Amino acid sequence: MDKVYQVTIKEEDQLLFKRSIRRLLESTFLLREREERLYRFVEKESNRYDISEYLRLIGFDLLIEEKAGVAMLVASEEDEDTPGLKRANVITFQTPQYHLLLILWEVYLENLGYQEENVITRGDLIDKIKSYGLSPESRELRAAFKLFKRYNLISYEENEVGEEAKIQLYPSLQFGWDLPQFQAIVEEYRREEAETEQGREAKIEEESYREEEELL
C-alpha cells in the first residue's frame, strides 16, 4: 500500500525548515539553550508535524523533550526494525568514551540548580575522572570531547586547553545512550566495585591476622 506524505511550508518559514532539518541530521540534537530560534521553530505544533512528515520519508522522526529543551532525531516507529536503515540518536562509543559520558552526566546532575550554565572546568573534570580510577590519555580525551561536541552533548572552545577551560554540559547527555551498551557498562562497574570491596575485606582480614600473630 502506497504511503502519502503531505508537507506544506510557508514561504517565510522555508529557511528555518531547511536549517532545522539539516541541523538534526548533522548533530541529532537541537538544544533550546544553544539554538533557541531553531528550537522554538521545531517545537511549534504545526512545524513539528511537517518536520516529522518530511523525516518519515527517510525513516526518521522528531522527538521533543520540552522540559529538558531538547529536540532530537529518532528512528520512526514504523521503520525502527527495517533492515538497512541507520539507527538515529544512538551512538556507539568506545568503552573509555562511555565511561567519560557517564561521568559527565553525573557532573551535570550534581550541578543542576547551582548556576545558570551547567559547566565544569577541564581541571575539575580530570580530577573527577581520576577519582574513578580512570586515567585517559590527552589524545583520547580530546577525541571524546570532539565527538561529544559534534552531537551537541557538550560545548567548549577548542583553543582553550588549560585547567581553567570551561566545558558546558547539555541536557542531551541523558538521551545519547545505547541501552544494551549502558547495561554492559553498569555491570562492569558493579563487578569492579565488588572486586574492590572483596580486595579491601581480604586486606583487612590479613592485617587483623598479622596483628593477632604479633600479640601471640
Protein backbone atom coordinates (compact mmCIF):
# COMPACT_ATOMS: atom_id res chain seq x y z
CA MET A 1 0.00 0.00 0.00
CA ASP A 2 1.41 3.38 -1.02
CA LYS A 3 2.01 5.93 1.73
CA VAL A 4 1.04 9.55 1.23
CA TYR A 5 3.08 12.32 2.88
CA GLN A 6 1.99 15.93 2.73
CA VAL A 7 4.17 18.81 3.84
CA THR A 8 3.18 22.45 3.42
CA ILE A 9 5.75 25.07 4.40
CA LYS A 10 5.01 28.79 4.31
CA GLU A 11 7.44 30.73 2.18
CA GLU A 12 8.71 32.77 5.14
CA ASP A 13 9.41 29.55 7.09
CA GLN A 14 11.26 27.64 4.40
CA LEU A 15 14.74 28.71 5.51
CA LEU A 16 14.12 27.75 9.15
CA PHE A 17 12.61 24.46 8.00
CA LYS A 18 15.71 23.61 5.96
CA ARG A 19 18.11 24.72 8.69
CA SER A 20 16.35 22.72 11.40
CA ILE A 21 16.24 19.56 9.26
CA ARG A 22 19.91 19.85 8.37
CA ARG A 23 20.85 20.57 11.98
CA LEU A 24 19.03 17.48 13.21
CA LEU A 25 20.62 15.28 10.55
CA GLU A 26 24.04 16.73 11.33
CA SER A 27 24.09 16.51 15.12
CA THR A 28 20.97 14.51 16.18
CA PHE A 29 20.16 17.02 18.94
CA LEU A 30 18.86 20.58 18.72
CA LEU A 31 19.00 22.48 22.02
CA ARG A 32 16.83 25.32 23.30
CA GLU A 33 19.67 26.85 25.31
CA ARG A 34 22.05 26.83 22.34
CA GLU A 35 19.87 27.47 19.27
CA GLU A 36 16.67 28.88 20.68
CA ARG A 37 15.27 30.21 17.40
CA LEU A 38 15.53 26.83 15.64
CA TYR A 39 14.26 25.02 18.73
CA ARG A 40 11.21 27.29 19.00
CA PHE A 41 10.52 26.69 15.33
CA VAL A 42 10.53 22.88 15.57
CA GLU A 43 8.66 23.00 18.89
CA LYS A 44 5.63 24.68 17.31
CA GLU A 45 2.99 22.01 16.72
CA SER A 46 2.35 22.68 13.04
CA ASN A 47 6.06 22.81 12.24
CA ARG A 48 6.68 19.70 14.32
CA TYR A 49 4.11 17.83 12.23
CA ASP A 50 5.63 18.97 8.92
CA ILE A 51 9.17 18.12 10.05
CA SER A 52 8.05 14.67 11.21
CA GLU A 53 6.29 14.05 7.90
CA TYR A 54 9.41 15.01 5.99
CA LEU A 55 11.71 12.91 8.19
CA ARG A 56 9.50 9.82 7.90
CA LEU A 57 10.33 9.72 4.21
CA ILE A 58 13.85 8.68 5.21
CA GLY A 59 12.89 6.53 8.20
CA PHE A 60 13.35 9.13 10.97
CA ASP A 61 11.09 11.16 13.22
CA LEU A 62 11.24 14.16 15.54
CA LEU A 63 11.01 13.82 19.31
CA ILE A 64 10.88 16.81 21.63
CA GLU A 65 11.52 16.74 25.37
CA GLU A 66 10.05 20.12 26.30
CA LYS A 67 11.09 20.02 29.96
CA ALA A 68 14.74 19.46 29.02
CA GLY A 69 14.54 21.74 25.99
CA VAL A 70 15.88 19.10 23.62
CA ALA A 71 14.64 18.27 20.13
CA MET A 72 16.12 15.09 18.71
CA LEU A 73 16.21 12.85 15.69
CA VAL A 74 14.94 9.32 16.33
CA ALA A 75 14.10 6.28 14.24
CA SER A 76 10.45 6.37 13.17
CA GLU A 77 8.39 3.66 14.83
CA GLU A 78 7.18 2.25 11.52
CA ASP A 79 10.75 1.86 10.22
CA GLU A 80 12.54 1.13 13.51
CA ASP A 81 13.14 -2.53 12.65
CA THR A 82 13.59 -2.09 8.92
CA PRO A 83 16.89 -3.72 7.82
CA GLY A 84 19.44 -1.42 6.23
CA LEU A 85 18.34 1.79 7.95
CA LYS A 86 20.85 3.51 10.20
CA ARG A 87 19.68 3.98 13.77
CA ALA A 88 19.39 7.59 14.89
CA ASN A 89 20.00 9.03 18.35
CA VAL A 90 22.16 6.02 19.24
CA ILE A 91 25.91 6.50 19.21
CA THR A 92 28.20 3.53 19.77
CA PHE A 93 31.05 4.81 21.89
CA GLN A 94 34.29 3.11 22.77
CA THR A 95 34.36 1.93 26.39
CA PRO A 96 36.58 4.81 27.68
CA GLN A 97 34.28 7.30 25.94
CA TYR A 98 31.27 5.70 27.54
CA HIS A 99 32.90 5.94 30.97
CA LEU A 100 33.51 9.63 30.32
CA LEU A 101 29.92 10.13 29.17
CA LEU A 102 28.63 8.62 32.43
CA ILE A 103 30.91 10.90 34.45
CA LEU A 104 29.75 13.97 32.50
CA TRP A 105 26.11 13.06 33.14
CA GLU A 106 26.83 12.64 36.87
CA VAL A 107 28.51 16.06 36.94
CA TYR A 108 25.54 17.56 35.07
CA LEU A 109 23.15 16.24 37.71
CA GLU A 110 25.38 17.41 40.57
CA ASN A 111 25.50 20.94 39.11
CA LEU A 112 21.76 21.34 38.49
CA GLY A 113 20.36 24.42 40.17
CA TYR A 114 23.70 25.84 41.30
CA GLN A 115 24.45 28.06 38.33
CA GLU A 116 22.77 29.40 35.21
CA GLU A 117 25.04 27.42 32.89
CA ASN A 118 25.94 23.84 33.70
CA VAL A 119 29.72 23.92 33.34
CA ILE A 120 32.83 22.25 34.71
CA THR A 121 36.45 23.23 34.28
CA ARG A 122 38.79 20.89 32.45
CA GLY A 123 40.93 20.51 35.58
CA ASP A 124 37.96 19.57 37.78
CA LEU A 125 36.75 17.09 35.19
CA ILE A 126 40.16 15.42 35.03
CA ASP A 127 40.17 15.14 38.83
CA LYS A 128 36.70 13.62 38.68
CA ILE A 129 37.84 11.10 36.08
CA LYS A 130 40.85 10.14 38.21
CA SER A 131 38.60 9.66 41.26
CA TYR A 132 37.00 6.77 39.37
CA GLY A 133 40.38 5.14 38.82
CA LEU A 134 40.47 6.21 35.17
CA SER A 135 43.41 7.94 33.55
CA PRO A 136 42.62 8.76 29.91
CA GLU A 137 45.45 9.96 27.73
CA SER A 138 45.14 13.55 26.50
CA ARG A 139 44.68 12.28 22.95
CA GLU A 140 41.77 10.05 24.00
CA LEU A 141 40.20 12.88 25.97
CA ARG A 142 40.42 15.28 23.02
CA ALA A 143 38.87 12.69 20.68
CA ALA A 144 35.99 12.09 23.10
CA PHE A 145 35.38 15.82 23.57
CA LYS A 146 35.23 16.40 19.82
CA LEU A 147 32.76 13.54 19.39
CA PHE A 148 30.52 14.76 22.21
CA LYS A 149 30.64 18.31 20.87
CA ARG A 150 29.68 17.14 17.40
CA TYR A 151 26.49 15.60 18.78
CA ASN A 152 25.58 18.61 20.92
CA LEU A 153 26.25 16.83 24.21
CA ILE A 154 28.81 19.39 25.39
CA SER A 155 30.35 22.63 24.17
CA TYR A 156 33.78 24.19 24.69
CA GLU A 157 36.33 26.43 22.99
CA GLU A 158 38.82 24.18 21.21
CA ASN A 159 41.64 26.73 21.50
CA GLU A 160 41.32 26.75 25.32
CA VAL A 161 43.24 23.78 26.74
CA GLY A 162 44.27 24.86 30.26
CA GLU A 163 42.85 23.52 33.51
CA GLU A 164 40.54 26.53 33.84
CA ALA A 165 39.00 26.00 30.39
CA LYS A 166 35.24 25.61 30.74
CA ILE A 167 33.19 22.73 29.36
CA GLN A 168 29.46 23.33 29.09
CA LEU A 169 27.24 20.30 29.68
CA TYR A 170 23.88 19.93 27.96
CA PRO A 171 20.74 18.00 28.96
CA SER A 172 21.08 15.99 25.74
CA LEU A 173 23.68 13.91 27.64
CA GLN A 174 20.80 11.84 29.01
CA PHE A 175 19.42 10.89 25.59
CA GLY A 176 22.51 9.57 23.81
CA TRP A 177 22.53 6.14 25.41
CA ASP A 178 22.59 2.82 23.67
CA LEU A 179 20.66 0.80 26.28
CA PRO A 180 22.46 -2.56 25.82
CA GLN A 181 25.83 -0.82 25.98
CA PHE A 182 24.70 1.18 29.02
CA GLN A 183 23.69 -2.02 30.82
CA ALA A 184 27.03 -3.64 29.98
CA ILE A 185 28.96 -0.67 31.38
CA VAL A 186 26.86 -0.65 34.57
CA GLU A 187 27.53 -4.36 35.06
CA GLU A 188 31.24 -3.69 34.56
CA TYR A 189 31.17 -1.01 37.25
CA ARG A 190 29.37 -3.36 39.62
CA ARG A 191 31.93 -6.11 39.07
CA GLU A 192 34.80 -3.69 39.63
CA GLU A 193 33.19 -2.37 42.83
CA ALA A 194 32.59 -5.92 44.09
CA GLU A 195 36.19 -6.91 43.34
CA THR A 196 37.48 -3.76 45.05
CA GLU A 197 35.33 -4.44 48.12
CA GLN A 198 36.46 -8.07 48.26
CA GLY A 199 40.09 -6.95 48.00
CA ARG A 200 39.56 -4.42 50.79
CA GLU A 201 37.98 -7.03 53.07
CA ALA A 202 40.78 -9.50 52.35
CA LYS A 203 43.37 -6.87 53.20
CA ILE A 204 41.61 -6.04 56.49
CA GLU A 205 41.46 -9.73 57.40
CA GLU A 206 45.14 -10.15 56.57
CA GLU A 207 46.16 -7.15 58.67
CA SER A 208 43.98 -8.35 61.53
CA TYR A 209 45.57 -11.82 61.34
CA ARG A 210 49.07 -10.30 61.43
CA GLU A 211 48.18 -8.18 64.48
CA GLU A 212 46.92 -11.28 66.28
CA GLU A 213 50.15 -13.13 65.46
CA GLU A 214 52.22 -10.25 66.81
CA LEU A 215 50.23 -10.30 70.06
CA LEU A 216 50.89 -14.01 70.42
